[in-house]
């Protein structure tokens, strides 16, 4: 990690990229909690960078809507609300079952099995790093299915939704270990995709998304910290 604290007008792009990656990682894993107030000074001290690369990194994160500026508190990590959860899952329910139906009979079963094997390694609830690795493999599994549709725009839209859902999934998976359940979900979906049964693949995908949504909503409702987070 670069420990330079100089605030020269000329910011090294690599330093900005590194600061951006570190802050983004901690936001996605909820290490920087939804609704947390942060400032350039606080983040500079936390990550060992000067304020200039932190400022540039925050500008990028603001464009991604992972932080927003606050007159009183400098920046706030964007809260996660029940409305956010419902909107993301509604969009995923539109996109992903359609992907599964279109991809049936076209998937690279070997590659999907390799990604599923990574998912089977599981994760430790409360361990952000193992959860992030698990979610990364899970996301690649679903995007590999989307890629098999041959529709680049559809895949791009789903990738954006799944990326936005990373924080949401961290909260849901933190309640209990769902490795075994998700393993069975992948296996049944892969079987339908391999057999070319588009309707079954679509229906399985839809049921799995609904189960995931319910898990996340239950996690948020049982978390006083998230329910009491001020918005705006």
C-alpha atoms as a PDB file:
ATOM      1  CA  UNK A   1       0.000   0.000   0.000  1.00  0.00           C
ATOM      2  CA  UNK A   2       1.288   3.421  -0.911  1.00  0.00           C
ATOM      3  CA  UNK A   3       1.817   5.513   2.215  1.00  0.00           C
ATOM      4  CA  UNK A   4       2.556   8.806   0.500  1.00  0.00           C
ATOM      5  CA  UNK A   5       0.583  11.675   2.036  1.00  0.00           C
ATOM      6  CA  UNK A   6       1.487  14.315  -0.540  1.00  0.00           C
ATOM      7  CA  UNK A   7      -1.396  16.253  -2.055  1.00  0.00           C
ATOM      8  CA  UNK A   8       0.351  17.333  -5.244  1.00  0.00           C
ATOM      9  CA  UNK A   9      -1.979  18.618  -7.979  1.00  0.00           C
ATOM     10  CA  UNK A  10      -0.608  15.824 -10.196  1.00  0.00           C
ATOM     11  CA  UNK A  11      -2.218  12.618  -8.962  1.00  0.00           C
ATOM     12  CA  UNK A  12      -0.749   9.329 -10.064  1.00  0.00           C
ATOM     13  CA  UNK A  13      -3.509   7.355 -11.836  1.00  0.00           C
ATOM     14  CA  UNK A  14      -2.311   4.108 -10.263  1.00  0.00           C
ATOM     15  CA  UNK A  15      -2.614   5.665  -6.799  1.00  0.00           C
ATOM     16  CA  UNK A  16      -6.181   6.751  -7.545  1.00  0.00           C
ATOM     17  CA  UNK A  17      -7.006   3.297  -8.889  1.00  0.00           C
ATOM     18  CA  UNK A  18      -5.591   1.687  -5.754  1.00  0.00           C
ATOM     19  CA  UNK A  19      -7.490   4.027  -3.436  1.00  0.00           C
ATOM     20  CA  UNK A  20     -10.675   3.481  -5.424  1.00  0.00           C
ATOM     21  CA  UNK A  21     -10.277  -0.312  -5.342  1.00  0.00           C
ATOM     22  CA  UNK A  22      -9.674  -0.405  -1.587  1.00  0.00           C
ATOM     23  CA  UNK A  23     -12.602   1.845  -0.695  1.00  0.00           C
ATOM     24  CA  UNK A  24     -14.917   0.100  -3.145  1.00  0.00           C
ATOM     25  CA  UNK A  25     -13.938  -3.298  -1.740  1.00  0.00           C
ATOM     26  CA  UNK A  26     -14.769  -2.176   1.795  1.00  0.00           C
ATOM     27  CA  UNK A  27     -18.104  -0.713   0.682  1.00  0.00           C
ATOM     28  CA  UNK A  28     -19.110  -3.870  -1.198  1.00  0.00           C
ATOM     29  CA  UNK A  29     -18.203  -6.102   1.748  1.00  0.00           C
ATOM     30  CA  UNK A  30     -20.027  -3.720   4.128  1.00  0.00           C
ATOM     31  CA  UNK A  31     -16.776  -3.181   6.048  1.00  0.00           C
ATOM     32  CA  UNK A  32     -17.699   0.454   5.458  1.00  0.00           C
ATOM     33  CA  UNK A  33     -21.279   0.026   6.570  1.00  0.00           C
ATOM     34  CA  UNK A  34     -24.300   1.321   4.620  1.00  0.00           C
ATOM     35  CA  UNK A  35     -25.120   4.792   5.903  1.00  0.00           C
ATOM     36  CA  UNK A  36     -21.656   5.325   7.442  1.00  0.00           C
ATOM     37  CA  UNK A  37     -20.329   8.878   7.370  1.00  0.00           C
ATOM     38  CA  UNK A  38     -16.861   9.156   5.831  1.00  0.00           C
ATOM     39  CA  UNK A  39     -14.569  12.037   4.947  1.00  0.00           C
ATOM     40  CA  UNK A  40     -11.432  12.561   2.899  1.00  0.00           C
ATOM     41  CA  UNK A  41      -9.394  12.885   6.089  1.00  0.00           C
ATOM     42  CA  UNK A  42     -10.831   9.741   7.645  1.00  0.00           C
ATOM     43  CA  UNK A  43     -10.228   7.671   4.508  1.00  0.00           C
ATOM     44  CA  UNK A  44      -6.755   9.131   3.995  1.00  0.00           C
ATOM     45  CA  UNK A  45      -5.820   8.001   7.501  1.00  0.00           C
ATOM     46  CA  UNK A  46      -7.486   4.625   7.060  1.00  0.00           C
ATOM     47  CA  UNK A  47      -5.787   3.698   3.790  1.00  0.00           C
ATOM     48  CA  UNK A  48      -2.567   5.693   3.986  1.00  0.00           C
ATOM     49  CA  UNK A  49      -3.125   7.907   0.953  1.00  0.00           C
ATOM     50  CA  UNK A  50      -3.138  11.663   0.533  1.00  0.00           C
ATOM     51  CA  UNK A  51      -6.433  13.501   0.210  1.00  0.00           C
ATOM     52  CA  UNK A  52      -6.082  14.103  -3.536  1.00  0.00           C
ATOM     53  CA  UNK A  53      -6.292  10.433  -4.636  1.00  0.00           C
ATOM     54  CA  UNK A  54      -9.001   9.825  -2.025  1.00  0.00           C
ATOM     55  CA  UNK A  55     -10.983  12.752  -3.434  1.00  0.00           C
ATOM     56  CA  UNK A  56     -10.635  11.372  -6.977  1.00  0.00           C
ATOM     57  CA  UNK A  57     -11.623   7.884  -5.816  1.00  0.00           C
ATOM     58  CA  UNK A  58     -14.700   9.242  -4.037  1.00  0.00           C
ATOM     59  CA  UNK A  59     -15.706  11.049  -7.212  1.00  0.00           C
ATOM     60  CA  UNK A  60     -15.706   7.736  -9.077  1.00  0.00           C
ATOM     61  CA  UNK A  61     -17.607   5.996  -6.292  1.00  0.00           C
ATOM     62  CA  UNK A  62     -20.159   8.793  -6.315  1.00  0.00           C
ATOM     63  CA  UNK A  63     -20.747   8.183 -10.036  1.00  0.00           C
ATOM     64  CA  UNK A  64     -21.405   4.526  -9.190  1.00  0.00           C
ATOM     65  CA  UNK A  65     -23.838   5.687  -6.467  1.00  0.00           C
ATOM     66  CA  UNK A  66     -21.884   3.856  -3.774  1.00  0.00           C
ATOM     67  CA  UNK A  67     -21.390   7.121  -1.861  1.00  0.00           C
ATOM     68  CA  UNK A  68     -23.112  10.479  -1.933  1.00  0.00           C
ATOM     69  CA  UNK A  69     -22.035  13.852  -0.659  1.00  0.00           C
ATOM     70  CA  UNK A  70     -23.538  15.311   2.484  1.00  0.00           C
ATOM     71  CA  UNK A  71     -23.178  18.983   3.494  1.00  0.00           C
ATOM     72  CA  UNK A  72     -22.762  18.090   7.142  1.00  0.00           C
ATOM     73  CA  UNK A  73     -20.774  14.868   6.942  1.00  0.00           C
ATOM     74  CA  UNK A  74     -18.735  15.209   3.726  1.00  0.00           C
ATOM     75  CA  UNK A  75     -19.714  11.807   2.293  1.00  0.00           C
ATOM     76  CA  UNK A  76     -22.077   9.007   3.271  1.00  0.00           C
ATOM     77  CA  UNK A  77     -21.883   5.392   2.151  1.00  0.00           C
ATOM     78  CA  UNK A  78     -25.140   4.936   0.284  1.00  0.00           C
ATOM     79  CA  UNK A  79     -27.680   3.221   2.581  1.00  0.00           C
ATOM     80  CA  UNK A  80     -29.437  -0.001   1.619  1.00  0.00           C
ATOM     81  CA  UNK A  81     -33.201   0.299   1.917  1.00  0.00           C
ATOM     82  CA  UNK A  82     -36.006  -2.203   1.516  1.00  0.00           C
ATOM     83  CA  UNK A  83     -37.034  -0.273  -1.575  1.00  0.00           C
ATOM     84  CA  UNK A  84     -33.558  -0.830  -3.053  1.00  0.00           C
ATOM     85  CA  UNK A  85     -33.823  -4.552  -2.358  1.00  0.00           C
ATOM     86  CA  UNK A  86     -37.274  -4.838  -3.950  1.00  0.00           C
ATOM     87  CA  UNK A  87     -36.227  -2.847  -7.026  1.00  0.00           C
ATOM     88  CA  UNK A  88     -33.061  -4.886  -7.591  1.00  0.00           C
ATOM     89  CA  UNK A  89     -34.845  -8.197  -7.217  1.00  0.00           C
ATOM     90  CA  UNK A  90     -37.722  -7.065  -9.451  1.00  0.00           C
ATOM     91  CA  UNK A  91     -35.208  -6.216 -12.155  1.00  0.00           C
ATOM     92  CA  UNK A  92     -33.335  -9.475 -11.662  1.00  0.00           C
ATOM     93  CA  UNK A  93     -36.628 -11.390 -11.950  1.00  0.00           C
ATOM     94  CA  UNK A  94     -37.202  -9.725 -15.323  1.00  0.00           C
ATOM     95  CA  UNK A  95     -33.716 -10.390 -16.693  1.00  0.00           C
ATOM     96  CA  UNK A  96     -32.300 -13.628 -15.336  1.00  0.00           C
ATOM     97  CA  UNK A  97     -35.129 -16.146 -15.875  1.00  0.00           C
ATOM     98  CA  UNK A  98     -35.243 -14.921 -19.488  1.00  0.00           C
ATOM     99  CA  UNK A  99     -31.488 -15.534 -19.731  1.00  0.00           C
ATOM    100  CA  UNK A 100     -31.905 -19.078 -18.439  1.00  0.00           C
ATOM    101  CA  UNK A 101     -34.641 -19.887 -20.919  1.00  0.00           C
ATOM    102  CA  UNK A 102     -32.597 -18.520 -23.832  1.00  0.00           C
ATOM    103  CA  UNK A 103     -29.410 -20.266 -22.676  1.00  0.00           C
ATOM    104  CA  UNK A 104     -30.940 -23.727 -22.271  1.00  0.00           C
ATOM    105  CA  UNK A 105     -29.088 -26.227 -24.416  1.00  0.00           C
ATOM    106  CA  UNK A 106     -26.334 -23.710 -25.227  1.00  0.00           C
ATOM    107  CA  UNK A 107     -24.330 -23.470 -22.002  1.00  0.00           C
ATOM    108  CA  UNK A 108     -20.703 -24.445 -21.500  1.00  0.00           C
ATOM    109  CA  UNK A 109     -21.437 -27.130 -18.918  1.00  0.00           C
ATOM    110  CA  UNK A 110     -17.759 -27.782 -18.163  1.00  0.00           C
ATOM    111  CA  UNK A 111     -17.073 -24.134 -17.321  1.00  0.00           C
ATOM    112  CA  UNK A 112     -20.230 -23.896 -15.210  1.00  0.00           C
ATOM    113  CA  UNK A 113     -19.236 -27.024 -13.293  1.00  0.00           C
ATOM    114  CA  UNK A 114     -15.822 -25.467 -12.575  1.00  0.00           C
ATOM    115  CA  UNK A 115     -17.445 -22.302 -11.210  1.00  0.00           C
ATOM    116  CA  UNK A 116     -19.890 -24.372  -9.197  1.00  0.00           C
ATOM    117  CA  UNK A 117     -16.949 -26.265  -7.672  1.00  0.00           C
ATOM    118  CA  UNK A 118     -15.582 -22.936  -6.391  1.00  0.00           C
ATOM    119  CA  UNK A 119     -18.984 -22.096  -4.920  1.00  0.00           C
ATOM    120  CA  UNK A 120     -19.045 -25.479  -3.174  1.00  0.00           C
ATOM    121  CA  UNK A 121     -16.018 -24.400  -1.157  1.00  0.00           C
ATOM    122  CA  UNK A 122     -18.510 -22.153   0.607  1.00  0.00           C
ATOM    123  CA  UNK A 123     -17.929 -19.177   2.837  1.00  0.00           C
ATOM    124  CA  UNK A 124     -17.849 -18.262   6.508  1.00  0.00           C
ATOM    125  CA  UNK A 125     -20.747 -16.033   7.665  1.00  0.00           C
ATOM    126  CA  UNK A 126     -19.290 -12.825   9.068  1.00  0.00           C
ATOM    127  CA  UNK A 127     -16.038 -13.206   7.105  1.00  0.00           C
ATOM    128  CA  UNK A 128     -16.146 -10.510   4.373  1.00  0.00           C
ATOM    129  CA  UNK A 129     -13.264 -11.962   2.346  1.00  0.00           C
ATOM    130  CA  UNK A 130     -14.602 -15.515   2.093  1.00  0.00           C
ATOM    131  CA  UNK A 131     -18.086 -14.162   1.357  1.00  0.00           C
ATOM    132  CA  UNK A 132     -16.746 -11.935  -1.422  1.00  0.00           C
ATOM    133  CA  UNK A 133     -14.884 -14.862  -3.017  1.00  0.00           C
ATOM    134  CA  UNK A 134     -18.038 -16.949  -2.841  1.00  0.00           C
ATOM    135  CA  UNK A 135     -20.168 -14.171  -4.344  1.00  0.00           C
ATOM    136  CA  UNK A 136     -17.625 -13.589  -7.118  1.00  0.00           C
ATOM    137  CA  UNK A 137     -17.766 -17.259  -8.153  1.00  0.00           C
ATOM    138  CA  UNK A 138     -21.562 -17.238  -7.877  1.00  0.00           C
ATOM    139  CA  UNK A 139     -21.808 -14.108 -10.025  1.00  0.00           C
ATOM    140  CA  UNK A 140     -19.520 -15.590 -12.678  1.00  0.00           C
ATOM    141  CA  UNK A 141     -21.706 -18.719 -12.717  1.00  0.00           C
ATOM    142  CA  UNK A 142     -24.820 -16.655 -13.485  1.00  0.00           C
ATOM    143  CA  UNK A 143     -23.063 -14.438 -16.022  1.00  0.00           C
ATOM    144  CA  UNK A 144     -21.690 -17.481 -17.840  1.00  0.00           C
ATOM    145  CA  UNK A 145     -25.302 -18.606 -18.269  1.00  0.00           C
ATOM    146  CA  UNK A 146     -26.210 -15.136 -19.560  1.00  0.00           C
ATOM    147  CA  UNK A 147     -23.261 -15.196 -21.959  1.00  0.00           C
ATOM    148  CA  UNK A 148     -24.621 -18.386 -23.516  1.00  0.00           C
ATOM    149  CA  UNK A 149     -27.668 -16.438 -24.724  1.00  0.00           C
ATOM    150  CA  UNK A 150     -25.440 -14.602 -27.198  1.00  0.00           C
ATOM    151  CA  UNK A 151     -27.172 -11.342 -26.236  1.00  0.00           C
ATOM    152  CA  UNK A 152     -24.433  -8.959 -25.105  1.00  0.00           C
ATOM    153  CA  UNK A 153     -26.825  -6.244 -23.970  1.00  0.00           C
ATOM    154  CA  UNK A 154     -28.792  -8.656 -21.825  1.00  0.00           C
ATOM    155  CA  UNK A 155     -25.596  -9.931 -20.235  1.00  0.00           C
ATOM    156  CA  UNK A 156     -24.373  -6.366 -19.591  1.00  0.00           C
ATOM    157  CA  UNK A 157     -27.630  -5.385 -17.903  1.00  0.00           C
ATOM    158  CA  UNK A 158     -27.601  -8.480 -15.691  1.00  0.00           C
ATOM    159  CA  UNK A 159     -23.948  -7.886 -14.789  1.00  0.00           C
ATOM    160  CA  UNK A 160     -24.814  -4.391 -13.585  1.00  0.00           C
ATOM    161  CA  UNK A 161     -27.701  -5.680 -11.453  1.00  0.00           C
ATOM    162  CA  UNK A 162     -25.607  -8.460  -9.898  1.00  0.00           C
ATOM    163  CA  UNK A 163     -22.806  -6.004  -9.170  1.00  0.00           C
ATOM    164  CA  UNK A 164     -25.238  -3.679  -7.395  1.00  0.00           C
ATOM    165  CA  UNK A 165     -26.525  -6.645  -5.406  1.00  0.00           C
ATOM    166  CA  UNK A 166     -23.135  -7.502  -3.899  1.00  0.00           C
ATOM    167  CA  UNK A 167     -23.715  -5.455  -0.723  1.00  0.00           C
ATOM    168  CA  UNK A 168     -27.250  -6.762  -0.438  1.00  0.00           C
ATOM    169  CA  UNK A 169     -26.038 -10.365  -0.682  1.00  0.00           C
ATOM    170  CA  UNK A 170     -23.330  -9.752   1.927  1.00  0.00           C
ATOM    171  CA  UNK A 171     -26.053  -8.776   4.374  1.00  0.00           C
ATOM    172  CA  UNK A 172     -28.231 -11.782   3.529  1.00  0.00           C
ATOM    173  CA  UNK A 173     -25.442 -14.359   3.630  1.00  0.00           C
ATOM    174  CA  UNK A 174     -24.177 -12.988   6.929  1.00  0.00           C
ATOM    175  CA  UNK A 175     -27.157 -14.433   8.799  1.00  0.00           C
ATOM    176  CA  UNK A 176     -26.411 -18.100   8.148  1.00  0.00           C
ATOM    177  CA  UNK A 177     -24.456 -20.373   5.813  1.00  0.00           C
ATOM    178  CA  UNK A 178     -26.412 -21.033   2.607  1.00  0.00           C
ATOM    179  CA  UNK A 179     -23.624 -22.930   0.825  1.00  0.00           C
ATOM    180  CA  UNK A 180     -25.489 -26.261   0.714  1.00  0.00           C
ATOM    181  CA  UNK A 181     -28.772 -24.679  -0.430  1.00  0.00           C
ATOM    182  CA  UNK A 182     -27.083 -22.716  -3.202  1.00  0.00           C
ATOM    183  CA  UNK A 183     -25.155 -25.818  -4.243  1.00  0.00           C
ATOM    184  CA  UNK A 184     -28.438 -27.681  -4.808  1.00  0.00           C
ATOM    185  CA  UNK A 185     -29.824 -24.648  -6.656  1.00  0.00           C
ATOM    186  CA  UNK A 186     -26.854 -24.598  -9.040  1.00  0.00           C
ATOM    187  CA  UNK A 187     -27.028 -28.345  -9.646  1.00  0.00           C
ATOM    188  CA  UNK A 188     -30.737 -28.356 -10.492  1.00  0.00           C
ATOM    189  CA  UNK A 189     -30.379 -25.290 -12.717  1.00  0.00           C
ATOM    190  CA  UNK A 190     -27.352 -26.743 -14.502  1.00  0.00           C
ATOM    191  CA  UNK A 191     -29.235 -29.981 -15.143  1.00  0.00           C
ATOM    192  CA  UNK A 192     -32.134 -28.104 -16.759  1.00  0.00           C
ATOM    193  CA  UNK A 193     -29.761 -25.959 -18.822  1.00  0.00           C
ATOM    194  CA  UNK A 194     -27.791 -28.965 -20.058  1.00  0.00           C
ATOM    195  CA  UNK A 195     -30.944 -30.857 -21.014  1.00  0.00           C
ATOM    196  CA  UNK A 196     -32.221 -27.895 -23.005  1.00  0.00           C
ATOM    197  CA  UNK A 197     -35.376 -27.539 -20.900  1.00  0.00           C
ATOM    198  CA  UNK A 198     -35.799 -23.777 -21.141  1.00  0.00           C
ATOM    199  CA  UNK A 199     -39.097 -23.563 -19.271  1.00  0.00           C
ATOM    200  CA  UNK A 200     -37.781 -25.562 -16.313  1.00  0.00           C
ATOM    201  CA  UNK A 201     -34.560 -23.518 -16.240  1.00  0.00           C
ATOM    202  CA  UNK A 202     -36.618 -20.315 -16.225  1.00  0.00           C
ATOM    203  CA  UNK A 203     -38.906 -21.549 -13.429  1.00  0.00           C
ATOM    204  CA  UNK A 204     -36.006 -22.793 -11.283  1.00  0.00           C
ATOM    205  CA  UNK A 205     -34.177 -19.505 -11.705  1.00  0.00           C
ATOM    206  CA  UNK A 206     -37.261 -17.524 -10.714  1.00  0.00           C
ATOM    207  CA  UNK A 207     -37.806 -19.620  -7.568  1.00  0.00           C
ATOM    208  CA  UNK A 208     -34.147 -19.271  -6.588  1.00  0.00           C
ATOM    209  CA  UNK A 209     -34.236 -15.480  -6.969  1.00  0.00           C
ATOM    210  CA  UNK A 210     -37.361 -15.271  -4.805  1.00  0.00           C
ATOM    211  CA  UNK A 211     -35.669 -17.393  -2.111  1.00  0.00           C
ATOM    212  CA  UNK A 212     -32.654 -15.096  -2.217  1.00  0.00           C
ATOM    213  CA  UNK A 213     -34.878 -12.012  -1.951  1.00  0.00           C
ATOM    214  CA  UNK A 214     -36.680 -13.408   1.085  1.00  0.00           C
ATOM    215  CA  UNK A 215     -33.336 -14.214   2.747  1.00  0.00           C
ATOM    216  CA  UNK A 216     -32.090 -10.655   2.285  1.00  0.00           C
ATOM    217  CA  UNK A 217     -35.333  -9.023   3.445  1.00  0.00           C
ATOM    218  CA  UNK A 218     -35.369 -11.168   6.584  1.00  0.00           C
ATOM    219  CA  UNK A 219     -31.748 -10.190   7.268  1.00  0.00           C
ATOM    220  CA  UNK A 220     -32.511  -6.478   6.917  1.00  0.00           C
ATOM    221  CA  UNK A 221     -35.636  -6.698   9.083  1.00  0.00           C
ATOM    222  CA  UNK A 222     -33.603  -8.402  11.817  1.00  0.00           C
ATOM    223  CA  UNK A 223     -30.885  -5.723  11.693  1.00  0.00           C
ATOM    224  CA  UNK A 224     -31.751  -2.639  13.805  1.00  0.00           C
ATOM    225  CA  UNK A 225     -28.624  -0.883  12.513  1.00  0.00           C
ATOM    226  CA  UNK A 226     -29.842  -1.054   8.905  1.00  0.00           C
ATOM    227  CA  UNK A 227     -33.459  -0.193   9.714  1.00  0.00           C
ATOM    228  CA  UNK A 228     -32.352   2.851  11.717  1.00  0.00           C
ATOM    229  CA  UNK A 229     -29.918   4.133   9.091  1.00  0.00           C
ATOM    230  CA  UNK A 230     -30.752   7.723   8.137  1.00  0.00           C
ATOM    231  CA  UNK A 231     -31.341   8.164   4.419  1.00  0.00           C
ATOM    232  CA  UNK A 232     -30.098  11.211   2.548  1.00  0.00           C
END
